[in-house]
């Protein structure tokens, strides 16, 4: 069993390796590593060219885990994801051929380009680490993690993720355009002949194995203490989303669990075995932004989700 200090050292080393590939985007890289340690799936959203796929590929290289990538398209079928029973004429029997979900890390590129039926094929594997095919249940990896990317600006040929699908993602990580200095550093690297997508990503070496990742998640779950006042704080924050007049659909219990597990991972990365209110507050946006639906009236008035988040945590007393 790893202790919190060892976990903090290993995962911060992984975080530092991302700096070789992703210029800037400090918050994004920290959230990605936090989600990995917490054992949650990530929905990564950004306009084209902001590094969504590059972030996912780099994380996969830094983990000594099996990795599969699948490009979601309008003609993708559920069997293309989970697999199917194929008839073998030699043996005169049906043989199960596993799909891409039978891996440790799955990059679901442009997940909103495939119809809801195929999107739903991911639900069982994301929630229960298993898939059911022709009535038979098959277990997937115990560290199975989905990195799903989506483009928020291209609407033609896309299918918005339903609420049940979005709720399975621990965090929604939004990648914005890079700062001017970071973009200049990237240009300088390419001008000097460094190919971030090819050379540097290919040179990344695994920092953490699949077994170490699983052990780290279990250690965080047992060693990071959660005091009663923190539990009440998390519950009150999430409950506020269900009472606000600007909210049509509030966050459910899975959001409370996501805040709890994410806060545990945040504390462990900081080398602590206890959660602070700041740990919880720092994750409010990535945990809730994809789980809340505003009323049409609030949207017409131009209310931003960021303003709603601010209002919510200002209404809840911070425990001392």
C-alpha atoms as a PDB file:
ATOM      1  CA  UNK A   1       0.000   0.000   0.000  1.00  0.00           C
ATOM      2  CA  UNK A   2       1.454   3.371  -1.031  1.00  0.00           C
ATOM      3  CA  UNK A   3       1.449   6.273   1.416  1.00  0.00           C
ATOM      4  CA  UNK A   4       0.232   9.758   0.536  1.00  0.00           C
ATOM      5  CA  UNK A   5       3.729  11.211   0.223  1.00  0.00           C
ATOM      6  CA  UNK A   6       4.739   8.555  -2.325  1.00  0.00           C
ATOM      7  CA  UNK A   7       1.526   9.100  -4.296  1.00  0.00           C
ATOM      8  CA  UNK A   8       2.048  12.855  -4.334  1.00  0.00           C
ATOM      9  CA  UNK A   9       5.624  12.457  -5.583  1.00  0.00           C
ATOM     10  CA  UNK A  10       4.773   9.993  -8.364  1.00  0.00           C
ATOM     11  CA  UNK A  11       1.731  11.813  -9.708  1.00  0.00           C
ATOM     12  CA  UNK A  12       3.376  15.227  -9.564  1.00  0.00           C
ATOM     13  CA  UNK A  13       6.250  13.736 -11.572  1.00  0.00           C
ATOM     14  CA  UNK A  14       3.671  12.621 -14.138  1.00  0.00           C
ATOM     15  CA  UNK A  15       2.181  16.111 -14.080  1.00  0.00           C
ATOM     16  CA  UNK A  16       5.601  17.658 -14.754  1.00  0.00           C
ATOM     17  CA  UNK A  17       6.132  15.413 -17.776  1.00  0.00           C
ATOM     18  CA  UNK A  18       3.016  16.941 -19.357  1.00  0.00           C
ATOM     19  CA  UNK A  19       4.825  20.293 -19.354  1.00  0.00           C
ATOM     20  CA  UNK A  20       7.147  18.909 -22.046  1.00  0.00           C
ATOM     21  CA  UNK A  21       4.237  18.598 -24.452  1.00  0.00           C
ATOM     22  CA  UNK A  22       1.461  21.014 -23.395  1.00  0.00           C
ATOM     23  CA  UNK A  23       2.541  24.652 -23.240  1.00  0.00           C
ATOM     24  CA  UNK A  24       0.652  26.464 -20.476  1.00  0.00           C
ATOM     25  CA  UNK A  25      -2.852  25.207 -19.620  1.00  0.00           C
ATOM     26  CA  UNK A  26      -1.713  24.574 -16.033  1.00  0.00           C
ATOM     27  CA  UNK A  27      -5.231  24.197 -14.661  1.00  0.00           C
ATOM     28  CA  UNK A  28      -6.174  21.739 -17.402  1.00  0.00           C
ATOM     29  CA  UNK A  29      -3.141  19.506 -16.761  1.00  0.00           C
ATOM     30  CA  UNK A  30      -3.743  19.523 -12.998  1.00  0.00           C
ATOM     31  CA  UNK A  31      -7.401  18.565 -13.429  1.00  0.00           C
ATOM     32  CA  UNK A  32      -6.485  15.728 -15.790  1.00  0.00           C
ATOM     33  CA  UNK A  33      -4.030  14.215 -13.298  1.00  0.00           C
ATOM     34  CA  UNK A  34      -6.538  14.731 -10.464  1.00  0.00           C
ATOM     35  CA  UNK A  35      -9.226  12.851 -12.399  1.00  0.00           C
ATOM     36  CA  UNK A  36      -6.796   9.994 -13.082  1.00  0.00           C
ATOM     37  CA  UNK A  37      -5.965   9.637  -9.404  1.00  0.00           C
ATOM     38  CA  UNK A  38      -9.617   9.916  -8.401  1.00  0.00           C
ATOM     39  CA  UNK A  39     -10.543   7.102 -10.776  1.00  0.00           C
ATOM     40  CA  UNK A  40     -12.918   9.152 -12.893  1.00  0.00           C
ATOM     41  CA  UNK A  41     -13.600   9.693 -16.570  1.00  0.00           C
ATOM     42  CA  UNK A  42     -12.871  13.024 -18.286  1.00  0.00           C
ATOM     43  CA  UNK A  43     -14.863  14.977 -20.856  1.00  0.00           C
ATOM     44  CA  UNK A  44     -12.407  17.358 -22.533  1.00  0.00           C
ATOM     45  CA  UNK A  45     -13.959  20.203 -24.532  1.00  0.00           C
ATOM     46  CA  UNK A  46     -12.277  22.824 -26.675  1.00  0.00           C
ATOM     47  CA  UNK A  47     -12.207  24.352 -30.112  1.00  0.00           C
ATOM     48  CA  UNK A  48     -10.063  22.637 -32.782  1.00  0.00           C
ATOM     49  CA  UNK A  49      -6.310  22.808 -32.315  1.00  0.00           C
ATOM     50  CA  UNK A  50      -6.217  23.500 -28.574  1.00  0.00           C
ATOM     51  CA  UNK A  51      -4.566  20.180 -27.642  1.00  0.00           C
ATOM     52  CA  UNK A  52      -7.451  17.954 -26.526  1.00  0.00           C
ATOM     53  CA  UNK A  53      -6.194  14.834 -28.275  1.00  0.00           C
ATOM     54  CA  UNK A  54      -2.565  15.711 -27.554  1.00  0.00           C
ATOM     55  CA  UNK A  55      -3.304  15.861 -23.813  1.00  0.00           C
ATOM     56  CA  UNK A  56      -4.999  12.458 -23.910  1.00  0.00           C
ATOM     57  CA  UNK A  57      -2.234  10.825 -25.964  1.00  0.00           C
ATOM     58  CA  UNK A  58       0.441  12.221 -23.650  1.00  0.00           C
ATOM     59  CA  UNK A  59      -1.306  10.911 -20.538  1.00  0.00           C
ATOM     60  CA  UNK A  60      -1.647   7.507 -22.149  1.00  0.00           C
ATOM     61  CA  UNK A  61       2.091   7.434 -22.927  1.00  0.00           C
ATOM     62  CA  UNK A  62       2.930   8.364 -19.324  1.00  0.00           C
ATOM     63  CA  UNK A  63       0.861   5.500 -17.967  1.00  0.00           C
ATOM     64  CA  UNK A  64       2.126   1.965 -18.392  1.00  0.00           C
ATOM     65  CA  UNK A  65      -1.376   0.910 -19.392  1.00  0.00           C
ATOM     66  CA  UNK A  66      -3.056  -0.571 -22.428  1.00  0.00           C
ATOM     67  CA  UNK A  67      -4.352   2.188 -24.667  1.00  0.00           C
ATOM     68  CA  UNK A  68      -6.912   2.278 -27.458  1.00  0.00           C
ATOM     69  CA  UNK A  69      -8.160   5.194 -29.517  1.00  0.00           C
ATOM     70  CA  UNK A  70     -11.397   5.274 -31.469  1.00  0.00           C
ATOM     71  CA  UNK A  71     -12.656   8.062 -33.698  1.00  0.00           C
ATOM     72  CA  UNK A  72     -16.374   8.552 -33.138  1.00  0.00           C
ATOM     73  CA  UNK A  73     -18.278   8.993 -36.405  1.00  0.00           C
ATOM     74  CA  UNK A  74     -21.987   9.114 -37.344  1.00  0.00           C
ATOM     75  CA  UNK A  75     -21.867   5.532 -38.677  1.00  0.00           C
ATOM     76  CA  UNK A  76     -20.174   4.019 -35.605  1.00  0.00           C
ATOM     77  CA  UNK A  77     -22.177   1.085 -34.192  1.00  0.00           C
ATOM     78  CA  UNK A  78     -22.362  -0.108 -30.555  1.00  0.00           C
ATOM     79  CA  UNK A  79     -20.634  -3.349 -31.555  1.00  0.00           C
ATOM     80  CA  UNK A  80     -17.719  -1.286 -32.879  1.00  0.00           C
ATOM     81  CA  UNK A  81     -17.174  -0.174 -29.280  1.00  0.00           C
ATOM     82  CA  UNK A  82     -17.984  -3.142 -27.068  1.00  0.00           C
ATOM     83  CA  UNK A  83     -17.417  -6.028 -29.474  1.00  0.00           C
ATOM     84  CA  UNK A  84     -19.666  -8.761 -30.850  1.00  0.00           C
ATOM     85  CA  UNK A  85     -20.118 -12.512 -31.160  1.00  0.00           C
ATOM     86  CA  UNK A  86     -18.713 -13.567 -34.554  1.00  0.00           C
ATOM     87  CA  UNK A  87     -19.527 -16.910 -36.159  1.00  0.00           C
ATOM     88  CA  UNK A  88     -16.464 -19.057 -36.758  1.00  0.00           C
ATOM     89  CA  UNK A  89     -17.163 -21.406 -39.712  1.00  0.00           C
ATOM     90  CA  UNK A  90     -14.289 -23.710 -38.738  1.00  0.00           C
ATOM     91  CA  UNK A  91     -15.531 -24.446 -35.230  1.00  0.00           C
ATOM     92  CA  UNK A  92     -19.195 -23.842 -36.120  1.00  0.00           C
ATOM     93  CA  UNK A  93     -19.435 -21.697 -33.003  1.00  0.00           C
ATOM     94  CA  UNK A  94     -19.871 -18.045 -32.146  1.00  0.00           C
ATOM     95  CA  UNK A  95     -16.690 -16.487 -30.774  1.00  0.00           C
ATOM     96  CA  UNK A  96     -16.637 -13.225 -28.828  1.00  0.00           C
ATOM     97  CA  UNK A  97     -14.455 -10.560 -30.399  1.00  0.00           C
ATOM     98  CA  UNK A  98     -13.809  -7.790 -27.841  1.00  0.00           C
ATOM     99  CA  UNK A  99     -14.070  -4.147 -28.854  1.00  0.00           C
ATOM    100  CA  UNK A 100     -11.913  -1.116 -27.928  1.00  0.00           C
ATOM    101  CA  UNK A 101     -13.480  -0.766 -24.453  1.00  0.00           C
ATOM    102  CA  UNK A 102     -11.442  -3.788 -23.366  1.00  0.00           C
ATOM    103  CA  UNK A 103      -8.428  -1.667 -22.530  1.00  0.00           C
ATOM    104  CA  UNK A 104      -7.129   0.447 -19.646  1.00  0.00           C
ATOM    105  CA  UNK A 105      -7.261   3.910 -21.236  1.00  0.00           C
ATOM    106  CA  UNK A 106      -9.768   4.669 -24.004  1.00  0.00           C
ATOM    107  CA  UNK A 107      -9.531   7.872 -26.027  1.00  0.00           C
ATOM    108  CA  UNK A 108     -13.024   8.563 -27.396  1.00  0.00           C
ATOM    109  CA  UNK A 109     -12.244  11.251 -29.955  1.00  0.00           C
ATOM    110  CA  UNK A 110     -15.112  13.627 -30.820  1.00  0.00           C
ATOM    111  CA  UNK A 111     -17.579  11.599 -28.770  1.00  0.00           C
ATOM    112  CA  UNK A 112     -20.503  13.853 -29.757  1.00  0.00           C
ATOM    113  CA  UNK A 113     -20.230  12.875 -33.439  1.00  0.00           C
ATOM    114  CA  UNK A 114     -21.851   9.480 -32.937  1.00  0.00           C
ATOM    115  CA  UNK A 115     -25.610   8.837 -32.435  1.00  0.00           C
ATOM    116  CA  UNK A 116     -27.109   8.364 -28.930  1.00  0.00           C
ATOM    117  CA  UNK A 117     -27.406   4.587 -29.375  1.00  0.00           C
ATOM    118  CA  UNK A 118     -23.647   4.247 -29.740  1.00  0.00           C
ATOM    119  CA  UNK A 119     -22.955   6.812 -27.018  1.00  0.00           C
ATOM    120  CA  UNK A 120     -25.102   4.717 -24.677  1.00  0.00           C
ATOM    121  CA  UNK A 121     -22.910   1.674 -25.343  1.00  0.00           C
ATOM    122  CA  UNK A 122     -20.258   3.352 -23.179  1.00  0.00           C
ATOM    123  CA  UNK A 123     -22.567   3.815 -20.173  1.00  0.00           C
ATOM    124  CA  UNK A 124     -22.277   0.349 -18.647  1.00  0.00           C
ATOM    125  CA  UNK A 125     -18.516   0.128 -19.061  1.00  0.00           C
ATOM    126  CA  UNK A 126     -17.993   3.608 -17.568  1.00  0.00           C
ATOM    127  CA  UNK A 127     -20.203   2.950 -14.554  1.00  0.00           C
ATOM    128  CA  UNK A 128     -19.753  -0.754 -13.823  1.00  0.00           C
ATOM    129  CA  UNK A 129     -16.489  -1.730 -15.535  1.00  0.00           C
ATOM    130  CA  UNK A 130     -18.369  -4.335 -17.538  1.00  0.00           C
ATOM    131  CA  UNK A 131     -20.400  -4.783 -20.723  1.00  0.00           C
ATOM    132  CA  UNK A 132     -23.315  -7.088 -21.478  1.00  0.00           C
ATOM    133  CA  UNK A 133     -23.439  -8.676 -24.934  1.00  0.00           C
ATOM    134  CA  UNK A 134     -26.147 -11.140 -25.951  1.00  0.00           C
ATOM    135  CA  UNK A 135     -27.051 -11.573 -22.295  1.00  0.00           C
ATOM    136  CA  UNK A 136     -23.514 -12.406 -21.178  1.00  0.00           C
ATOM    137  CA  UNK A 137     -21.529 -10.053 -18.964  1.00  0.00           C
ATOM    138  CA  UNK A 138     -17.864  -9.336 -19.694  1.00  0.00           C
ATOM    139  CA  UNK A 139     -15.619  -7.494 -17.229  1.00  0.00           C
ATOM    140  CA  UNK A 140     -13.354  -4.694 -18.488  1.00  0.00           C
ATOM    141  CA  UNK A 141     -10.153  -3.400 -16.866  1.00  0.00           C
ATOM    142  CA  UNK A 142     -10.324  -2.373 -13.209  1.00  0.00           C
ATOM    143  CA  UNK A 143      -8.540   0.882 -14.128  1.00  0.00           C
ATOM    144  CA  UNK A 144     -10.700   1.520 -17.219  1.00  0.00           C
ATOM    145  CA  UNK A 145     -10.709   5.269 -17.872  1.00  0.00           C
ATOM    146  CA  UNK A 146     -12.318   7.215 -20.705  1.00  0.00           C
ATOM    147  CA  UNK A 147     -10.794  10.408 -22.121  1.00  0.00           C
ATOM    148  CA  UNK A 148     -13.594  11.788 -24.280  1.00  0.00           C
ATOM    149  CA  UNK A 149     -13.101  14.885 -26.419  1.00  0.00           C
ATOM    150  CA  UNK A 150     -15.706  17.079 -28.039  1.00  0.00           C
ATOM    151  CA  UNK A 151     -15.808  20.226 -30.129  1.00  0.00           C
ATOM    152  CA  UNK A 152     -18.284  22.837 -28.811  1.00  0.00           C
ATOM    153  CA  UNK A 153     -18.569  24.953 -31.961  1.00  0.00           C
ATOM    154  CA  UNK A 154     -19.295  22.471 -34.741  1.00  0.00           C
ATOM    155  CA  UNK A 155     -23.003  21.628 -34.535  1.00  0.00           C
ATOM    156  CA  UNK A 156     -23.553  20.019 -37.939  1.00  0.00           C
ATOM    157  CA  UNK A 157     -23.331  16.252 -37.707  1.00  0.00           C
ATOM    158  CA  UNK A 158     -23.097  16.194 -33.904  1.00  0.00           C
ATOM    159  CA  UNK A 159     -25.338  14.656 -31.233  1.00  0.00           C
ATOM    160  CA  UNK A 160     -25.238  16.393 -27.826  1.00  0.00           C
ATOM    161  CA  UNK A 161     -24.503  13.966 -25.005  1.00  0.00           C
ATOM    162  CA  UNK A 162     -27.630  13.151 -22.956  1.00  0.00           C
ATOM    163  CA  UNK A 163     -27.709  14.018 -19.246  1.00  0.00           C
ATOM    164  CA  UNK A 164     -27.188  10.396 -18.170  1.00  0.00           C
ATOM    165  CA  UNK A 165     -24.043  10.154 -20.303  1.00  0.00           C
ATOM    166  CA  UNK A 166     -22.587  13.465 -19.103  1.00  0.00           C
ATOM    167  CA  UNK A 167     -23.214  12.485 -15.495  1.00  0.00           C
ATOM    168  CA  UNK A 168     -20.780   9.559 -15.854  1.00  0.00           C
ATOM    169  CA  UNK A 169     -17.861  11.936 -16.377  1.00  0.00           C
ATOM    170  CA  UNK A 170     -16.128  12.989 -13.173  1.00  0.00           C
ATOM    171  CA  UNK A 171     -14.928  16.297 -14.666  1.00  0.00           C
ATOM    172  CA  UNK A 172     -15.645  18.371 -17.701  1.00  0.00           C
ATOM    173  CA  UNK A 173     -12.319  20.010 -18.574  1.00  0.00           C
ATOM    174  CA  UNK A 174     -12.564  23.035 -20.861  1.00  0.00           C
ATOM    175  CA  UNK A 175      -9.422  23.896 -22.847  1.00  0.00           C
ATOM    176  CA  UNK A 176      -9.312  27.522 -23.921  1.00  0.00           C
ATOM    177  CA  UNK A 177      -6.991  29.219 -26.388  1.00  0.00           C
ATOM    178  CA  UNK A 178      -3.386  29.417 -25.083  1.00  0.00           C
ATOM    179  CA  UNK A 179      -1.923  32.566 -23.591  1.00  0.00           C
ATOM    180  CA  UNK A 180       0.161  34.653 -25.978  1.00  0.00           C
ATOM    181  CA  UNK A 181       3.462  33.726 -24.254  1.00  0.00           C
ATOM    182  CA  UNK A 182       2.627  30.008 -24.284  1.00  0.00           C
ATOM    183  CA  UNK A 183       1.674  30.108 -27.957  1.00  0.00           C
ATOM    184  CA  UNK A 184       4.934  31.928 -28.708  1.00  0.00           C
ATOM    185  CA  UNK A 185       6.895  29.200 -26.864  1.00  0.00           C
ATOM    186  CA  UNK A 186       5.135  26.561 -28.929  1.00  0.00           C
ATOM    187  CA  UNK A 187       5.991  28.372 -32.152  1.00  0.00           C
ATOM    188  CA  UNK A 188       9.625  28.706 -31.052  1.00  0.00           C
ATOM    189  CA  UNK A 189       9.784  24.956 -30.346  1.00  0.00           C
ATOM    190  CA  UNK A 190       8.450  24.120 -33.815  1.00  0.00           C
ATOM    191  CA  UNK A 191      10.711  26.720 -35.421  1.00  0.00           C
ATOM    192  CA  UNK A 192      13.650  24.958 -33.760  1.00  0.00           C
ATOM    193  CA  UNK A 193      12.571  21.656 -35.327  1.00  0.00           C
ATOM    194  CA  UNK A 194      10.805  20.113 -32.305  1.00  0.00           C
ATOM    195  CA  UNK A 195       7.636  18.255 -33.249  1.00  0.00           C
ATOM    196  CA  UNK A 196       5.560  18.154 -30.066  1.00  0.00           C
ATOM    197  CA  UNK A 197       2.980  15.807 -31.576  1.00  0.00           C
ATOM    198  CA  UNK A 198       5.558  13.351 -32.834  1.00  0.00           C
ATOM    199  CA  UNK A 199       9.039  13.528 -31.340  1.00  0.00           C
ATOM    200  CA  UNK A 200       8.300  14.570 -27.751  1.00  0.00           C
ATOM    201  CA  UNK A 201       5.172  12.445 -27.300  1.00  0.00           C
ATOM    202  CA  UNK A 202       7.032   9.426 -28.681  1.00  0.00           C
ATOM    203  CA  UNK A 203       9.883  10.030 -26.226  1.00  0.00           C
ATOM    204  CA  UNK A 204       7.626  10.035 -23.155  1.00  0.00           C
ATOM    205  CA  UNK A 205       8.255   7.073 -20.867  1.00  0.00           C
ATOM    206  CA  UNK A 206       5.722   5.490 -18.497  1.00  0.00           C
ATOM    207  CA  UNK A 207       5.848   6.969 -15.005  1.00  0.00           C
ATOM    208  CA  UNK A 208       3.100   4.865 -13.392  1.00  0.00           C
ATOM    209  CA  UNK A 209       1.990   1.312 -14.202  1.00  0.00           C
ATOM    210  CA  UNK A 210      -1.599   0.100 -14.286  1.00  0.00           C
ATOM    211  CA  UNK A 211      -1.101  -1.776 -11.011  1.00  0.00           C
ATOM    212  CA  UNK A 212       0.435   1.296  -9.340  1.00  0.00           C
ATOM    213  CA  UNK A 213      -2.466   3.418 -10.587  1.00  0.00           C
ATOM    214  CA  UNK A 214      -4.972   1.000  -9.061  1.00  0.00           C
ATOM    215  CA  UNK A 215      -3.065   0.854  -5.764  1.00  0.00           C
ATOM    216  CA  UNK A 216      -2.801   4.654  -5.631  1.00  0.00           C
ATOM    217  CA  UNK A 217      -6.566   5.021  -6.094  1.00  0.00           C
ATOM    218  CA  UNK A 218      -7.221   2.513  -3.308  1.00  0.00           C
ATOM    219  CA  UNK A 219      -4.715   4.207  -1.012  1.00  0.00           C
ATOM    220  CA  UNK A 220      -6.287   7.627  -1.524  1.00  0.00           C
ATOM    221  CA  UNK A 221      -9.745   6.190  -0.811  1.00  0.00           C
ATOM    222  CA  UNK A 222      -8.593   4.701   2.514  1.00  0.00           C
ATOM    223  CA  UNK A 223      -5.938   7.145   3.730  1.00  0.00           C
ATOM    224  CA  UNK A 224      -7.395  10.603   2.988  1.00  0.00           C
ATOM    225  CA  UNK A 225      -9.784  11.381   5.831  1.00  0.00           C
ATOM    226  CA  UNK A 226     -13.112  13.116   5.225  1.00  0.00           C
ATOM    227  CA  UNK A 227     -14.372  15.057   8.247  1.00  0.00           C
ATOM    228  CA  UNK A 228     -18.145  15.411   8.892  1.00  0.00           C
ATOM    229  CA  UNK A 229     -18.067  19.176   8.265  1.00  0.00           C
ATOM    230  CA  UNK A 230     -16.571  18.570   4.787  1.00  0.00           C
ATOM    231  CA  UNK A 231     -19.314  16.052   3.982  1.00  0.00           C
ATOM    232  CA  UNK A 232     -21.964  18.602   4.999  1.00  0.00           C
ATOM    233  CA  UNK A 233     -20.240  21.299   2.930  1.00  0.00           C
ATOM    234  CA  UNK A 234     -20.239  19.103  -0.194  1.00  0.00           C
ATOM    235  CA  UNK A 235     -23.876  18.121   0.321  1.00  0.00           C
ATOM    236  CA  UNK A 236     -25.023  21.718   0.816  1.00  0.00           C
ATOM    237  CA  UNK A 237     -23.155  22.965  -2.277  1.00  0.00           C
ATOM    238  CA  UNK A 238     -24.714  20.334  -4.525  1.00  0.00           C
ATOM    239  CA  UNK A 239     -28.158  20.714  -2.943  1.00  0.00           C
ATOM    240  CA  UNK A 240     -28.106  24.438  -3.780  1.00  0.00           C
ATOM    241  CA  UNK A 241     -28.091  23.592  -7.477  1.00  0.00           C
ATOM    242  CA  UNK A 242     -31.466  21.878  -7.021  1.00  0.00           C
ATOM    243  CA  UNK A 243     -33.067  24.913  -5.344  1.00  0.00           C
ATOM    244  CA  UNK A 244     -31.836  27.803  -7.480  1.00  0.00           C
ATOM    245  CA  UNK A 245     -34.566  29.423  -9.590  1.00  0.00           C
ATOM    246  CA  UNK A 246     -32.207  29.656 -12.572  1.00  0.00           C
ATOM    247  CA  UNK A 247     -31.663  25.881 -12.668  1.00  0.00           C
ATOM    248  CA  UNK A 248     -33.976  23.551 -14.571  1.00  0.00           C
ATOM    249  CA  UNK A 249     -32.118  20.321 -13.737  1.00  0.00           C
ATOM    250  CA  UNK A 250     -29.797  20.320 -10.723  1.00  0.00           C
ATOM    251  CA  UNK A 251     -26.880  18.053  -9.906  1.00  0.00           C
ATOM    252  CA  UNK A 252     -27.620  14.583  -8.540  1.00  0.00           C
ATOM    253  CA  UNK A 253     -25.915  12.432  -5.894  1.00  0.00           C
ATOM    254  CA  UNK A 254     -23.216  11.373  -8.383  1.00  0.00           C
ATOM    255  CA  UNK A 255     -22.041  15.003  -8.392  1.00  0.00           C
ATOM    256  CA  UNK A 256     -21.629  14.870  -4.598  1.00  0.00           C
ATOM    257  CA  UNK A 257     -19.552  11.699  -4.933  1.00  0.00           C
ATOM    258  CA  UNK A 258     -17.475  13.318  -7.687  1.00  0.00           C
ATOM    259  CA  UNK A 259     -16.732  16.318  -5.454  1.00  0.00           C
ATOM    260  CA  UNK A 260     -15.751  13.978  -2.630  1.00  0.00           C
ATOM    261  CA  UNK A 261     -13.465  11.742  -4.706  1.00  0.00           C
ATOM    262  CA  UNK A 262     -11.968  14.668  -6.608  1.00  0.00           C
ATOM    263  CA  UNK A 263     -11.250  16.523  -3.360  1.00  0.00           C
ATOM    264  CA  UNK A 264      -9.537  13.436  -1.950  1.00  0.00           C
ATOM    265  CA  UNK A 265      -7.280  13.260  -4.997  1.00  0.00           C
ATOM    266  CA  UNK A 266      -6.557  17.013  -4.794  1.00  0.00           C
ATOM    267  CA  UNK A 267      -5.521  16.640  -1.152  1.00  0.00           C
ATOM    268  CA  UNK A 268      -3.301  13.637  -1.955  1.00  0.00           C
ATOM    269  CA  UNK A 269      -1.540  15.514  -4.785  1.00  0.00           C
ATOM    270  CA  UNK A 270      -0.784  18.247  -2.250  1.00  0.00           C
ATOM    271  CA  UNK A 271       0.694  15.619   0.101  1.00  0.00           C
ATOM    272  CA  UNK A 272      -2.149  15.850   2.627  1.00  0.00           C
ATOM    273  CA  UNK A 273      -4.290  13.110   4.176  1.00  0.00           C
ATOM    274  CA  UNK A 274      -7.211  15.466   4.839  1.00  0.00           C
ATOM    275  CA  UNK A 275      -9.537  17.594   2.694  1.00  0.00           C
ATOM    276  CA  UNK A 276      -9.869  21.356   3.069  1.00  0.00           C
ATOM    277  CA  UNK A 277     -12.854  23.487   1.947  1.00  0.00           C
ATOM    278  CA  UNK A 278     -10.579  25.031  -0.701  1.00  0.00           C
ATOM    279  CA  UNK A 279     -10.074  21.556  -2.235  1.00  0.00           C
ATOM    280  CA  UNK A 280     -13.842  21.252  -2.632  1.00  0.00           C
ATOM    281  CA  UNK A 281     -14.321  24.794  -3.906  1.00  0.00           C
ATOM    282  CA  UNK A 282     -11.578  24.407  -6.526  1.00  0.00           C
ATOM    283  CA  UNK A 283     -13.460  21.510  -8.156  1.00  0.00           C
ATOM    284  CA  UNK A 284     -16.956  22.970  -8.091  1.00  0.00           C
ATOM    285  CA  UNK A 285     -16.862  24.138 -11.705  1.00  0.00           C
ATOM    286  CA  UNK A 286     -15.414  21.013 -13.425  1.00  0.00           C
ATOM    287  CA  UNK A 287     -17.736  18.753 -11.402  1.00  0.00           C
ATOM    288  CA  UNK A 288     -20.961  20.712 -11.869  1.00  0.00           C
ATOM    289  CA  UNK A 289     -20.673  22.529 -15.214  1.00  0.00           C
ATOM    290  CA  UNK A 290     -21.829  19.541 -17.297  1.00  0.00           C
ATOM    291  CA  UNK A 291     -24.423  18.366 -14.784  1.00  0.00           C
ATOM    292  CA  UNK A 292     -26.549  21.519 -14.543  1.00  0.00           C
ATOM    293  CA  UNK A 293     -29.171  22.664 -17.038  1.00  0.00           C
ATOM    294  CA  UNK A 294     -30.268  26.301 -16.827  1.00  0.00           C
ATOM    295  CA  UNK A 295     -33.867  27.371 -17.383  1.00  0.00           C
ATOM    296  CA  UNK A 296     -34.655  28.943 -20.778  1.00  0.00           C
ATOM    297  CA  UNK A 297     -35.371  32.225 -18.971  1.00  0.00           C
ATOM    298  CA  UNK A 298     -31.938  32.255 -17.326  1.00  0.00           C
ATOM    299  CA  UNK A 299     -30.256  31.522 -20.655  1.00  0.00           C
ATOM    300  CA  UNK A 300     -32.205  34.323 -22.350  1.00  0.00           C
ATOM    301  CA  UNK A 301     -31.066  36.699 -19.609  1.00  0.00           C
ATOM    302  CA  UNK A 302     -27.487  35.717 -20.367  1.00  0.00           C
ATOM    303  CA  UNK A 303     -26.710  34.047 -17.030  1.00  0.00           C
ATOM    304  CA  UNK A 304     -23.366  32.256 -17.264  1.00  0.00           C
ATOM    305  CA  UNK A 305     -22.737  28.999 -15.414  1.00  0.00           C
ATOM    306  CA  UNK A 306     -19.656  30.617 -13.864  1.00  0.00           C
ATOM    307  CA  UNK A 307     -21.891  33.291 -12.300  1.00  0.00           C
ATOM    308  CA  UNK A 308     -24.233  30.599 -10.992  1.00  0.00           C
ATOM    309  CA  UNK A 309     -21.309  28.711  -9.417  1.00  0.00           C
ATOM    310  CA  UNK A 310     -20.124  31.889  -7.712  1.00  0.00           C
ATOM    311  CA  UNK A 311     -23.606  32.530  -6.377  1.00  0.00           C
ATOM    312  CA  UNK A 312     -23.877  28.980  -5.056  1.00  0.00           C
ATOM    313  CA  UNK A 313     -20.632  28.907  -3.092  1.00  0.00           C
ATOM    314  CA  UNK A 314     -21.253  32.407  -1.750  1.00  0.00           C
ATOM    315  CA  UNK A 315     -24.564  31.188  -0.319  1.00  0.00           C
ATOM    316  CA  UNK A 316     -23.029  28.234   1.529  1.00  0.00           C
ATOM    317  CA  UNK A 317     -21.087  28.917   4.714  1.00  0.00           C
ATOM    318  CA  UNK A 318     -17.504  27.689   4.527  1.00  0.00           C
ATOM    319  CA  UNK A 319     -16.700  25.328   7.413  1.00  0.00           C
ATOM    320  CA  UNK A 320     -13.857  26.280   9.735  1.00  0.00           C
END
